[in-house]
Protein backbone atom coordinates (compact mmCIF):
# COMPACT_ATOMS: atom_id res chain seq x y z
CA MET A 1 -59.46 -56.46 24.91
CA ASN A 2 -59.88 -52.83 25.99
CA VAL A 3 -58.52 -52.09 29.46
CA THR A 4 -57.46 -49.04 31.46
CA LEU A 5 -55.16 -49.77 34.38
CA ALA A 6 -53.87 -46.82 36.43
CA GLU A 7 -52.17 -46.08 39.75
CA SER A 8 -51.51 -49.77 40.54
CA ARG A 9 -48.75 -52.06 41.67
CA VAL A 10 -48.74 -55.50 40.02
CA HIS A 11 -46.23 -58.34 39.86
CA GLN A 12 -46.36 -59.02 36.10
CA LEU A 13 -48.57 -57.85 33.33
CA THR A 14 -49.36 -59.70 30.10
CA ALA A 15 -51.91 -58.39 27.59
CA GLU A 16 -52.84 -60.48 24.55
CA ASN A 17 -54.77 -58.85 21.69
CA ALA A 18 -54.99 -55.57 23.59
CA VAL A 19 -56.58 -52.77 21.59
CA ASN A 20 -56.71 -49.07 22.51
CA SER A 21 -55.78 -49.86 26.10
CA THR A 22 -53.99 -47.59 28.59
CA LEU A 23 -51.44 -48.69 31.16
CA ARG A 24 -50.50 -45.67 33.25
CA ASP A 25 -48.77 -44.92 36.60
CA VAL A 26 -48.08 -48.61 37.30
CA THR A 27 -45.11 -50.23 39.06
CA VAL A 28 -44.58 -53.80 37.94
CA ARG A 29 -42.57 -55.90 40.42
CA SER A 30 -42.16 -59.54 41.32
CA ASP A 31 -41.13 -59.90 44.95
CA SER A 32 -38.04 -57.67 45.28
CA ARG A 33 -37.27 -57.68 41.56
CA SER A 34 -38.64 -55.60 38.75
CA GLY A 35 -41.29 -57.44 36.78
CA SER A 36 -42.22 -57.35 33.14
CA VAL A 37 -44.83 -55.89 30.85
CA TRP A 38 -45.70 -57.89 27.71
CA PHE A 39 -48.12 -56.63 25.10
CA ARG A 40 -49.52 -57.90 21.80
CA GLY A 41 -52.02 -55.56 20.21
CA SER A 42 -52.49 -52.14 18.65
CA GLY A 43 -53.40 -48.58 19.59
CA ASN A 44 -52.25 -49.01 23.19
CA THR A 45 -50.54 -46.48 25.48
CA VAL A 46 -47.99 -47.41 28.13
CA GLU A 47 -47.19 -44.33 30.22
CA ASN A 48 -45.38 -43.55 33.48
CA VAL A 49 -44.73 -47.25 34.08
CA THR A 50 -41.78 -48.67 36.02
CA ALA A 51 -40.78 -52.23 35.13
CA GLY A 52 -37.80 -54.45 34.50
CA SER A 53 -38.76 -54.86 30.85
CA ILE A 54 -41.45 -53.71 28.48
CA THR A 55 -41.99 -55.74 25.35
CA LEU A 56 -44.33 -55.24 22.42
CA VAL A 57 -44.59 -58.27 20.10
CA SER A 58 -46.14 -57.94 16.64
CA SER A 59 -47.80 -54.78 17.88
CA PRO A 60 -48.35 -51.72 15.64
CA ASN A 61 -49.45 -48.15 16.41
CA ASN A 62 -48.61 -48.16 20.15
CA THR A 63 -47.10 -45.45 22.35
CA ILE A 64 -44.62 -46.02 25.14
CA ARG A 65 -44.04 -42.74 26.96
CA ASN A 66 -42.16 -41.61 30.08
CA THR A 67 -41.50 -45.16 31.37
CA THR A 68 -38.51 -46.47 33.30
CA ALA A 69 -37.21 -49.91 32.48
CA GLU A 70 -34.02 -51.87 32.04
CA ARG A 71 -35.08 -52.80 28.52
CA ILE A 72 -37.77 -51.71 26.10
CA ARG A 73 -38.22 -53.96 23.06
CA LEU A 74 -40.25 -54.01 19.88
CA ASP A 75 -40.19 -57.49 18.28
CA TRP A 76 -42.00 -59.69 15.81
CA GLY A 77 -43.67 -62.94 16.71
CA THR A 78 -42.58 -65.68 14.33
CA GLY A 79 -45.38 -66.88 12.10
CA THR A 80 -47.62 -63.87 12.45
CA GLU A 81 -48.48 -61.43 9.68
CA THR A 82 -48.65 -58.44 12.01
CA PHE A 83 -45.42 -56.50 12.43
CA PRO A 84 -44.24 -54.11 15.16
CA ASP A 85 -44.69 -51.01 12.95
CA ASP A 86 -45.58 -47.36 13.49
CA ASN A 87 -44.90 -47.25 17.22
CA LEU A 88 -43.77 -44.18 19.16
CA LEU A 89 -41.26 -44.47 22.01
CA VAL A 90 -40.73 -41.07 23.61
CA GLY A 91 -39.27 -39.68 26.84
CA ASN A 92 -38.36 -43.06 28.33
CA THR A 93 -35.40 -43.96 30.56
CA ALA A 94 -33.90 -47.37 29.93
CA ASP A 95 -30.60 -49.16 29.75
CA GLU A 96 -31.49 -50.18 26.19
CA ILE A 97 -34.22 -49.78 23.58
CA VAL A 98 -34.23 -52.58 21.00
CA ILE A 99 -36.14 -52.49 17.70
CA SER A 100 -35.73 -55.77 15.86
CA ASN A 101 -37.11 -58.44 13.53
CA ASN A 102 -39.29 -56.81 10.90
CA ALA A 103 -39.91 -53.64 12.92
CA ARG A 104 -40.63 -50.74 10.54
CA ASN A 105 -41.49 -47.09 10.59
CA ASN A 106 -41.08 -46.69 14.34
CA THR A 107 -39.97 -43.48 16.02
CA VAL A 108 -37.61 -43.51 19.03
CA ARG A 109 -37.40 -39.88 20.20
CA GLY A 110 -36.07 -38.02 23.23
CA ASN A 111 -35.19 -41.07 25.29
CA ASP A 112 -32.38 -41.49 27.81
CA ALA A 113 -31.23 -44.89 26.58
CA ALA A 114 -28.89 -46.79 24.33
CA VAL A 115 -30.64 -47.80 21.10
CA ARG A 116 -30.23 -50.90 18.97
CA VAL A 117 -31.95 -51.44 15.62
CA ALA A 118 -31.46 -54.95 14.28
CA GLY A 119 -32.59 -57.29 11.50
CA THR A 120 -32.34 -57.48 7.73
CA GLU A 121 -36.07 -56.80 7.42
CA THR A 122 -35.99 -53.93 9.88
CA PHE A 123 -36.13 -50.60 8.05
CA ASP A 124 -37.48 -47.04 7.88
CA ASN A 125 -37.11 -46.42 11.62
CA ARG A 126 -36.23 -43.03 13.10
CA ILE A 127 -33.80 -42.52 16.01
CA VAL A 128 -34.04 -38.85 16.93
CA GLY A 129 -32.86 -36.64 19.78
CA ASN A 130 -31.89 -39.40 22.24
CA ASP A 131 -29.18 -39.30 24.93
CA ALA A 132 -27.29 -42.57 24.69
CA SER A 133 -24.59 -42.82 27.35
CA GLY A 134 -22.90 -45.21 29.73
CA SER A 135 -23.33 -48.42 27.72
CA ALA A 136 -21.19 -50.85 25.72
CA VAL A 137 -22.61 -49.27 22.53
CA GLY A 138 -24.53 -46.00 22.36
CA ILE A 139 -26.48 -46.46 19.08
CA GLU A 140 -26.17 -49.64 17.03
CA ILE A 141 -27.57 -50.37 13.55
CA ASP A 142 -27.16 -54.13 13.03
CA ARG A 143 -28.03 -55.28 9.46
CA ALA A 144 -30.93 -52.80 9.36
CA SER A 145 -31.47 -50.32 6.57
CA ARG A 146 -33.04 -46.98 5.76
CA THR A 147 -32.71 -45.89 9.41
CA THR A 148 -32.68 -42.16 10.12
CA VAL A 149 -30.35 -41.32 13.03
CA ARG A 150 -30.54 -37.61 13.77
CA ASN A 151 -29.68 -35.09 16.56
CA ASN A 152 -28.58 -37.72 19.09
CA THR A 153 -25.94 -37.27 21.77
CA VAL A 154 -23.75 -40.33 22.26
CA THR A 155 -21.16 -40.06 25.05
CA GLY A 156 -19.40 -42.13 27.67
CA ASN A 157 -19.88 -45.51 26.04
CA ASP A 158 -17.32 -48.12 25.07
CA HIS A 159 -18.25 -47.46 21.46
CA GLY A 160 -20.38 -44.55 20.27
CA ILE A 161 -22.29 -45.17 17.04
CA VAL A 162 -21.83 -48.67 15.59
CA LEU A 163 -22.97 -50.07 12.22
CA VAL A 164 -22.65 -53.78 11.50
CA GLY A 165 -23.57 -55.08 8.03
CA ALA A 166 -25.78 -51.98 7.69
CA THR A 167 -26.72 -50.32 4.40
CA ASP A 168 -28.59 -47.26 3.15
CA ASN A 169 -28.87 -45.53 6.54
CA ARG A 170 -28.78 -41.78 7.05
CA LEU A 171 -27.07 -40.19 10.03
CA ALA A 172 -27.18 -36.40 10.51
CA ASN A 173 -26.27 -33.84 13.17
CA ASN A 174 -25.24 -36.32 15.82
CA THR A 175 -22.64 -35.78 18.52
CA ALA A 176 -20.45 -38.72 19.52
CA VAL A 177 -17.64 -37.71 21.89
CA GLY A 178 -15.84 -39.12 24.90
CA ASN A 179 -16.45 -42.78 24.04
CA ALA A 180 -13.67 -45.12 25.24
CA GLU A 181 -12.85 -46.91 22.00
CA TRP A 182 -14.37 -45.35 18.88
CA ASP A 183 -16.91 -42.60 18.41
CA TYR A 184 -18.01 -44.13 15.11
CA TYR A 185 -17.43 -47.73 14.08
CA SER A 186 -18.69 -49.62 11.04
CA ALA A 187 -17.87 -53.18 9.97
CA SER A 188 -19.06 -56.27 8.06
CA ALA A 189 -19.61 -54.56 4.73
CA SER A 190 -21.46 -51.50 6.03
CA THR A 191 -21.90 -49.38 2.88
CA ASN A 192 -23.93 -46.59 1.41
CA ASN A 193 -24.47 -45.03 4.82
CA THR A 194 -24.40 -41.24 4.58
CA VAL A 195 -23.04 -39.42 7.62
CA THR A 196 -23.56 -35.62 7.75
CA ASN A 197 -22.28 -33.31 10.45
CA LEU A 198 -21.06 -35.91 12.95
CA THR A 199 -19.25 -34.13 15.78
CA VAL A 200 -16.47 -36.19 17.32
CA GLY A 201 -14.66 -33.05 18.45
CA PRO A 202 -14.20 -31.88 14.86
CA THR A 203 -17.31 -31.98 12.68
CA LEU A 204 -17.23 -34.55 9.86
CA SER A 205 -19.34 -35.69 6.94
CA PHE A 206 -18.55 -38.87 5.02
CA ASP A 207 -19.63 -41.85 2.97
CA SER A 208 -17.61 -44.93 3.84
CA ARG A 209 -17.18 -48.64 4.03
CA ASP A 210 -16.05 -50.28 7.25
CA VAL A 211 -14.19 -47.50 9.08
CA ALA A 212 -13.60 -46.50 12.70
CA ILE A 213 -13.24 -42.84 13.62
CA ARG A 214 -12.49 -40.84 16.75
CA GLU A 215 -10.88 -37.57 17.66
CA ALA A 216 -7.08 -37.58 17.93
CA ALA A 217 -6.69 -36.39 21.49
CA ASP A 218 -2.87 -35.97 21.36
CA PRO A 219 -2.04 -35.18 17.71
CA PRO A 220 1.53 -35.22 16.36
CA ARG A 221 3.43 -31.95 16.25
CA LEU A 222 3.28 -29.86 13.12
CA PRO A 223 6.45 -28.88 11.27
CA GLU A 224 7.57 -25.27 11.30
CA GLY A 225 5.75 -23.26 8.63
CA ILE A 226 2.67 -25.49 8.75
CA ALA A 227 -0.53 -24.71 10.64
CA GLY A 228 -3.89 -26.44 11.15
CA VAL A 229 -7.45 -25.56 12.04
CA GLY A 230 -7.49 -27.60 15.24
CA ALA A 231 -9.27 -30.60 13.74
CA TYR A 232 -7.48 -33.94 14.16
CA VAL A 233 -9.13 -37.34 13.77
CA VAL A 234 -8.00 -40.93 13.72
CA VAL A 235 -9.40 -42.93 10.77
CA ASN A 236 -8.83 -46.66 10.71
CA GLY A 237 -10.22 -49.51 8.59
CA THR A 238 -12.07 -52.51 9.92
CA SER A 239 -11.83 -54.67 6.76
CA VAL A 240 -9.57 -55.07 3.74
CA ASP A 241 -11.98 -53.00 1.64
CA SER A 242 -12.25 -50.00 3.96
CA TRP A 243 -12.42 -46.43 2.68
CA ALA A 244 -13.99 -43.08 3.51
CA ASP A 245 -14.86 -40.04 1.39
CA LEU A 246 -14.18 -37.68 4.26
CA THR A 247 -15.03 -33.97 4.65
CA VAL A 248 -13.79 -31.98 7.69
CA LYS A 249 -15.49 -28.71 8.57
CA TYR A 250 -13.95 -25.67 10.21
CA THR A 251 -14.89 -22.07 11.09
CA ASP A 252 -13.41 -18.76 10.01
CA LEU A 253 -11.95 -18.34 13.49
CA ASP A 254 -10.11 -21.66 13.08
CA THR A 255 -8.13 -20.28 10.12
CA VAL A 256 -6.28 -17.60 12.11
CA GLY A 257 -2.57 -18.15 11.38
CA VAL A 258 -3.11 -20.43 8.37
CA ASP A 259 -3.38 -19.65 4.66
CA GLU A 260 -6.87 -21.00 4.04
CA GLU A 261 -6.37 -21.44 0.29
CA SER A 262 -3.49 -23.88 1.00
CA LEU A 263 -5.55 -26.22 3.23
CA ARG A 264 -5.45 -29.92 2.33
CA LEU A 265 -6.37 -33.05 4.23
CA CYS A 266 -3.10 -34.58 5.36
CA ARG A 267 -2.11 -37.82 7.04
CA TYR A 268 0.61 -38.40 9.58
CA ALA A 269 2.80 -41.41 8.84
CA ASP A 270 6.44 -42.40 9.25
CA GLY A 271 7.13 -39.31 11.34
CA SER A 272 5.82 -36.71 8.87
CA TRP A 273 2.64 -35.08 7.57
CA GLU A 274 1.82 -35.62 3.86
CA PRO A 275 -1.20 -34.50 1.77
CA ILE A 276 -3.65 -37.34 1.06
CA GLU A 277 -4.53 -35.93 -2.37
CA GLU A 278 -2.58 -33.31 -4.29
CA GLU A 279 -5.67 -32.02 -6.08
CA ASP A 280 -7.60 -29.09 -4.58
CA GLN A 281 -10.36 -30.53 -2.36
CA LEU A 282 -11.07 -27.24 -0.56
CA ASP A 283 -14.41 -25.41 -0.49
CA ALA A 284 -13.42 -22.19 1.32
CA ALA A 285 -16.90 -20.70 0.84
CA LEU A 286 -18.40 -23.50 2.93
CA ASN A 287 -15.37 -23.93 5.22
CA ARG A 288 -14.70 -27.58 4.43
CA VAL A 289 -11.87 -29.67 3.01
CA SER A 290 -12.23 -33.22 1.67
CA ALA A 291 -10.29 -36.28 0.50
CA ASN A 292 -10.79 -39.95 -0.22
CA VAL A 293 -9.12 -41.75 2.64
CA SER A 294 -8.20 -45.34 1.74
CA ARG A 295 -6.28 -48.02 3.66
CA SER A 296 -2.93 -46.50 2.63
CA ASP A 297 -4.04 -43.22 4.15
CA PHE A 298 -5.40 -44.43 7.50
CA GLY A 299 -4.01 -42.88 10.67
CA VAL A 300 -4.21 -39.39 12.04
CA VAL A 301 -5.85 -37.09 9.50
CA ALA A 302 -6.16 -33.28 9.67
CA PRO A 303 -6.63 -30.23 7.45
CA LEU A 304 -3.27 -28.46 7.25
CA GLY A 305 -1.92 -25.50 5.30
CA LYS A 306 0.84 -22.97 5.14
CA ALA A 307 1.35 -20.94 8.29
CA THR A 308 1.00 -17.20 7.85
CA ASP A 309 3.29 -14.63 9.52
CA ASP A 310 0.76 -14.28 12.29
CA GLN A 311 2.25 -15.12 15.66
CA ARG A 312 0.71 -18.23 17.21
CA PRO A 313 1.47 -20.40 20.24
CA TYR A 314 3.61 -23.45 19.60
CA ASP A 315 1.32 -26.34 18.62
CA GLY A 316 -1.48 -23.81 18.32
CA THR A 317 -2.47 -23.74 22.02
CA ALA A 318 -1.37 -21.11 24.49
CA ARG A 319 0.41 -22.57 27.55
CA THR A 320 -1.74 -22.27 30.67
CA LEU A 321 -0.36 -20.60 33.76
CA PRO A 322 0.68 -21.70 36.30
CA GLY A 323 2.83 -24.37 34.76
CA GLU A 324 6.12 -25.20 33.03
CA ILE A 325 7.04 -24.19 29.48
CA ASP A 326 9.75 -25.91 27.47
CA ALA A 327 12.05 -23.09 26.35
CA SER A 328 12.19 -24.60 22.85
CA HIS A 329 8.40 -24.25 22.58
CA PHE A 330 8.49 -20.52 21.73
CA ASP A 331 5.80 -19.20 19.40
CA THR A 332 5.57 -19.75 15.65
CA GLY A 333 5.53 -16.90 13.16
CA GLY A 334 9.15 -16.67 12.18
CA GLU A 335 12.01 -14.23 12.42
CA GLY A 336 11.08 -10.81 13.71
CA VAL A 337 7.59 -12.02 14.69
CA ALA A 338 7.95 -14.77 17.27
CA TYR A 339 11.73 -14.54 17.74
CA HIS A 340 14.85 -12.68 16.65
CA ASP A 341 18.11 -14.47 16.00
CA ASP A 342 21.13 -12.64 14.59
CA GLU A 343 22.56 -15.73 12.85
CA PRO A 344 19.94 -17.53 10.71
CA ALA A 345 22.22 -20.58 10.33
CA ARG A 346 21.76 -23.11 13.09
CA ARG A 347 24.81 -23.98 15.23
CA ASP A 348 23.26 -26.92 17.12
CA ASP A 349 22.63 -30.53 16.16
CA SER A 350 19.33 -31.24 17.93
CA GLY A 351 17.27 -31.47 14.73
CA PHE A 352 14.26 -30.00 16.58
CA ARG A 353 12.30 -27.31 14.71
CA PRO A 354 14.82 -27.19 11.89
CA ASP A 355 13.02 -24.37 10.08
CA VAL A 356 13.65 -21.75 12.81
CA GLY A 357 16.82 -19.74 13.33
CA VAL A 358 16.93 -20.13 17.11
CA ASP A 359 19.62 -22.57 18.24
CA ILE A 360 18.07 -25.45 20.21
CA GLU A 361 20.48 -27.75 22.04
CA PRO A 362 19.52 -31.45 22.45
CA PRO A 363 18.31 -32.51 25.93
CA SER A 364 21.00 -35.19 26.03
CA LEU A 365 23.46 -32.40 26.87
CA GLY A 366 21.76 -31.67 30.15
CA GLY A 367 18.39 -30.03 29.50
CA THR A 368 14.87 -31.40 29.56
CA GLY A 369 11.93 -31.62 27.20
CA ASP A 370 12.75 -31.04 23.53
CA GLY A 371 15.92 -29.05 24.22
CA SER A 372 17.35 -25.82 25.57
CA ILE A 373 18.04 -22.53 23.87
CA GLY A 374 21.76 -21.88 23.43
CA TYR A 375 24.36 -20.03 21.31
CA VAL A 376 22.54 -16.80 22.15
CA GLU A 377 23.77 -13.27 21.48
CA GLU A 378 22.88 -9.95 23.10
CA GLY A 379 19.78 -8.45 21.51
CA GLU A 380 18.21 -11.81 20.51
CA TRP A 381 14.76 -12.71 21.88
CA VAL A 382 11.97 -15.31 21.90
CA GLU A 383 8.28 -14.99 22.83
CA TYR A 384 5.73 -17.33 24.37
CA THR A 385 1.95 -16.93 24.24
CA VAL A 386 0.40 -17.89 27.57
CA ASP A 387 -3.10 -18.09 28.97
CA ALA A 388 -3.65 -16.94 32.55
CA GLU A 389 -6.42 -15.95 34.89
CA PRO A 390 -6.14 -12.70 36.88
CA GLY A 391 -3.74 -13.01 39.77
CA THR A 392 -0.14 -12.65 40.89
CA TYR A 393 2.46 -15.12 39.64
CA ARG A 394 6.15 -15.77 40.20
CA LEU A 395 8.47 -16.68 37.33
CA ALA A 396 11.69 -18.70 37.50
CA LEU A 397 13.96 -19.80 34.64
CA ALA A 398 16.19 -22.86 34.44
CA VAL A 399 19.40 -21.26 33.14
CA ALA A 400 23.06 -22.21 32.63
CA SER A 401 26.27 -20.36 31.70
CA LYS A 402 30.04 -20.47 32.12
CA ARG A 403 30.02 -16.68 32.30
CA ASP A 404 27.88 -14.05 34.01
CA GLY A 405 25.14 -14.56 31.47
CA GLU A 406 22.36 -11.99 31.43
CA LEU A 407 18.80 -11.74 30.18
CA THR A 408 15.65 -9.77 30.85
CA VAL A 409 12.07 -11.07 30.95
CA SER A 410 8.90 -9.08 30.31
CA ILE A 411 5.19 -9.76 29.93
CA ASP A 412 3.11 -7.63 27.54
CA GLY A 413 5.99 -5.20 27.46
CA ARG A 414 6.23 -4.83 31.26
CA GLU A 415 9.55 -5.93 32.75
CA ILE A 416 9.37 -8.78 35.25
CA GLY A 417 13.07 -8.91 36.10
CA THR A 418 16.67 -9.43 35.00
CA VAL A 419 18.74 -12.55 35.60
CA VAL A 420 22.54 -12.55 35.82
CA LYS A 421 23.91 -16.04 36.48
CA ASN A 422 27.06 -18.12 36.25
CA THR A 423 26.33 -21.81 36.96
CA GLY A 424 29.87 -23.05 36.07
CA GLY A 425 28.85 -24.83 32.90
CA TRP A 426 26.76 -24.34 29.74
CA TYR A 427 24.42 -27.18 30.73
CA ASN A 428 24.44 -26.96 34.57
CA PHE A 429 20.85 -25.74 34.60
CA THR A 430 19.67 -24.08 37.83
CA GLU A 431 16.20 -22.70 38.48
CA THR A 432 16.63 -18.97 39.15
CA ASP A 433 13.96 -16.59 40.36
CA VAL A 434 13.10 -13.77 37.97
CA GLY A 435 10.31 -12.00 39.87
CA GLU A 436 6.62 -11.54 40.31
CA PHE A 437 4.12 -10.23 37.80
CA THR A 438 0.43 -9.49 37.96
CA ILE A 439 -2.26 -10.43 35.46
CA GLU A 440 -5.20 -8.04 35.66
CA GLU A 441 -7.26 -9.37 32.77
CA GLY A 442 -7.59 -13.06 32.05
CA GLY A 443 -6.77 -14.45 28.61
CA GLU A 444 -3.70 -14.59 26.37
CA HIS A 445 -0.53 -12.71 27.21
CA THR A 446 3.01 -12.67 25.77
CA ILE A 447 6.17 -13.40 27.74
CA ARG A 448 9.42 -12.26 26.10
CA ILE A 449 12.95 -13.41 27.01
CA GLU A 450 15.56 -10.98 25.66
CA TRP A 451 19.30 -11.52 26.09
CA SER A 452 20.84 -8.32 27.49
CA GLY A 453 24.46 -9.40 28.12
CA PRO A 454 26.75 -12.44 27.91
CA PRO A 455 25.21 -15.77 26.84
CA LEU A 456 22.82 -17.50 29.22
CA ASN A 457 21.26 -20.80 28.06
CA VAL A 458 17.57 -21.38 28.97
CA ASP A 459 15.95 -24.79 29.42
CA ARG A 460 12.46 -24.00 30.78
CA LEU A 461 10.18 -21.43 32.27
CA VAL A 462 8.47 -22.23 35.59
CA VAL A 463 5.45 -20.11 36.60
CA GLU A 464 3.72 -20.54 39.94
CA GLU A 465 0.97 -18.72 41.69
CA SER A 466 2.43 -16.32 44.23
CA ASP A 467 1.92 -17.65 47.78
CA THR A 468 1.77 -14.17 49.29
CA THR A 469 1.25 -10.70 47.95
CA THR A 470 4.61 -8.90 47.96
CA GLU A 471 4.57 -5.31 49.20
CA HIS A 472 6.91 -2.70 47.73
CA THR A 473 7.75 0.76 49.01
CA ILE A 474 7.92 4.11 47.27
CA GLU A 475 9.36 7.14 49.05
CA ILE A 476 9.09 10.72 47.71
CA VAL A 477 11.75 12.91 49.36
CA GLY A 478 11.42 16.72 49.12
CA ASN A 479 14.42 18.88 48.15
CA GLY A 480 13.16 22.18 49.74
CA GLU A 481 10.84 23.10 46.85
CA TYR A 482 7.07 22.73 46.87
CA THR A 483 6.48 19.66 44.75
CA GLU A 484 3.30 17.90 43.65
CA TYR A 485 3.25 14.22 42.78
CA GLU A 486 0.85 11.41 41.81
CA PHE A 487 1.27 7.76 40.93
CA ASP A 488 -0.66 4.58 40.07
CA VAL A 489 0.06 0.90 40.69
CA SER A 490 -1.24 -2.33 39.14
CA GLY A 491 -2.14 -3.72 42.56
CA GLU A 492 -3.23 -1.74 45.59
CA ILE A 493 -1.71 0.97 47.74
CA THR A 494 -1.79 -0.55 51.21
CA GLY A 495 -0.48 2.21 53.50
CA GLY A 496 1.25 5.52 53.90
CA SER A 497 3.50 7.31 56.46
CA GLY A 498 4.76 10.90 56.88
CA LEU A 499 1.65 12.17 55.03
CA ASN A 500 0.05 15.57 55.55
CA ALA A 501 -3.41 16.91 54.86
CA GLU A 502 -2.68 17.34 51.14
CA ASP A 503 -1.60 13.70 50.76
CA SER A 504 -4.06 10.94 50.05
CA PHE A 505 -4.35 7.45 48.54
CA SER A 506 -7.20 5.19 47.55
CA GLY A 507 -7.15 1.85 45.76
CA ALA A 508 -4.44 1.94 43.17
CA SER A 509 -3.79 5.74 43.11
CA ALA A 510 -2.07 8.25 45.35
CA ALA A 511 -1.36 12.01 45.17
CA GLY A 512 0.26 14.59 47.46
CA THR A 513 2.91 17.27 48.03
CA VAL A 514 6.32 17.45 49.63
CA VAL A 515 8.72 20.32 50.52
CA ASP A 516 11.42 19.30 53.02
CA GLY A 517 10.05 16.03 54.38
CA SER A 518 9.26 12.68 52.76
CA ASP A 519 6.07 10.71 52.03
CA THR A 520 6.26 6.91 52.07
CA TYR A 521 3.74 4.42 50.64
CA THR A 522 3.52 0.64 50.49
CA PHE A 523 1.86 -1.05 47.49
CA THR A 524 1.41 -4.37 45.71
CA GLY A 525 1.81 -5.09 42.03
CA GLU A 526 3.86 -2.77 39.84
CA LEU A 527 4.27 0.97 39.50
CA THR A 528 2.42 1.86 36.33
CA ASN A 529 2.46 5.67 36.36
CA LEU A 530 4.47 8.36 38.20
CA SER A 531 4.28 12.15 37.76
CA VAL A 532 6.42 14.66 39.75
CA ASP A 533 5.94 18.42 39.26
CA GLY A 534 8.82 20.12 41.09
CA SER A 535 12.01 18.82 42.67
CA ALA A 536 12.01 15.56 44.64
CA THR A 537 13.96 12.32 44.94
CA VAL A 538 11.98 9.07 44.38
CA ARG A 539 13.18 5.84 45.96
CA ILE A 540 11.52 2.49 45.17
CA ARG A 541 12.37 -0.59 47.25
CA GLU A 542 11.27 -3.95 45.86
CA GLY A 543 9.72 -6.36 48.41
CA GLU A 544 11.16 -9.78 48.99
């Protein structure tokens, strides 16, 4: 049979013993429902076809290209000696592509579809560059072997890549993220399957037997003095014989703040992190760390090492503004780097961050989160790394004191404001306004709280976007001498009064002269530079 059928609409199409035929630009429907295409033959092309299903049975050397169907299937007809081999499926859109029952040496490439390869006699197939999303399983290898699974993206499924009773398969450079249950799942004695550069968030390589793996979205906190490279995965077993020879990759940038030579794969269990293997499993030249993860080591796994003296955000991630920051979540880096405490010995009993010198009071006393900072002395300070977009923000602190406690807050060395407060009790926390500050360049910035008087406990920082732009006033008053002046602000100079011909302002800068009178300007942001050549009195009034 040798047929060319193009630009047609049919109800159902069945082709028996078709050879070198072309089915192109056809919509196959039965009444209001999608119909089916069924082929048996070789050397055929099915292209730009829309159908409910497209099935090739015992059909070698065919091409299915750019079709749309609920299911595309390659299958073997029982009792025949012709197998569904050497077919090419490329650029199709389907709910599912199935290759099963003695199908061999087929290529499934560049399709938008979930893919299933099944059968003990199904082998040497290639699943390459597909987008498998929105299904129960993205890519499944069921009892098949010698399958190559490469450069696929598997997202938004219940399970990502699944192997069931599968052996001798090779998976390389795939991405499986955002799947509801597991990004990688193997069971029923799936062994000798080599996985290289699987990205589940972190990038992993492993040989294994019956394991389930996904990114740890909310990893446990690290102890003080320990840092990671931002790679946390959950590894679980699916049988009593489960194991994984696991390698986790990282970049040079990931090692900022951690002693790379001390990196080991560690597991979190019973409330603490412990190395999986004491022996050195680090290859710093290739940026990878490995360990054999067995059933006793299953759980959250991550490469961890000794923290350096580099200052880093608590938990490794800068707090995003606007938002709230737990006062006890000041940066890591140690004494003189992330904080200064005059008395290294702790005077609290919270047990939180026991390796730091800052006194952290338990939240049961009246604070929130992981605790409040107390037992403070004048001259002590803590710092917080934050991430903020350009804009104007307002900062408040939840503070408490039995005295007129005092502290000063700054960002990147620029003072935001000073708080003096007596709340009538060491744990009667009250949100107190500190002031506004302006971020001119987005990215990471450092907030410092420094105690400048009697003790004032701090429970949290609250940063909000400023509802309105606050205007301030600067007045330059002459003292009878010809005086030149100029100044700059971080925001904008919005107006001026009492000015003469020699006075001017534009944008964030102003300049002029005074003798006996006064020049007054309004501005937003902060005064960043002021120069006076002569004799004048300068008055600055903060806006409300």
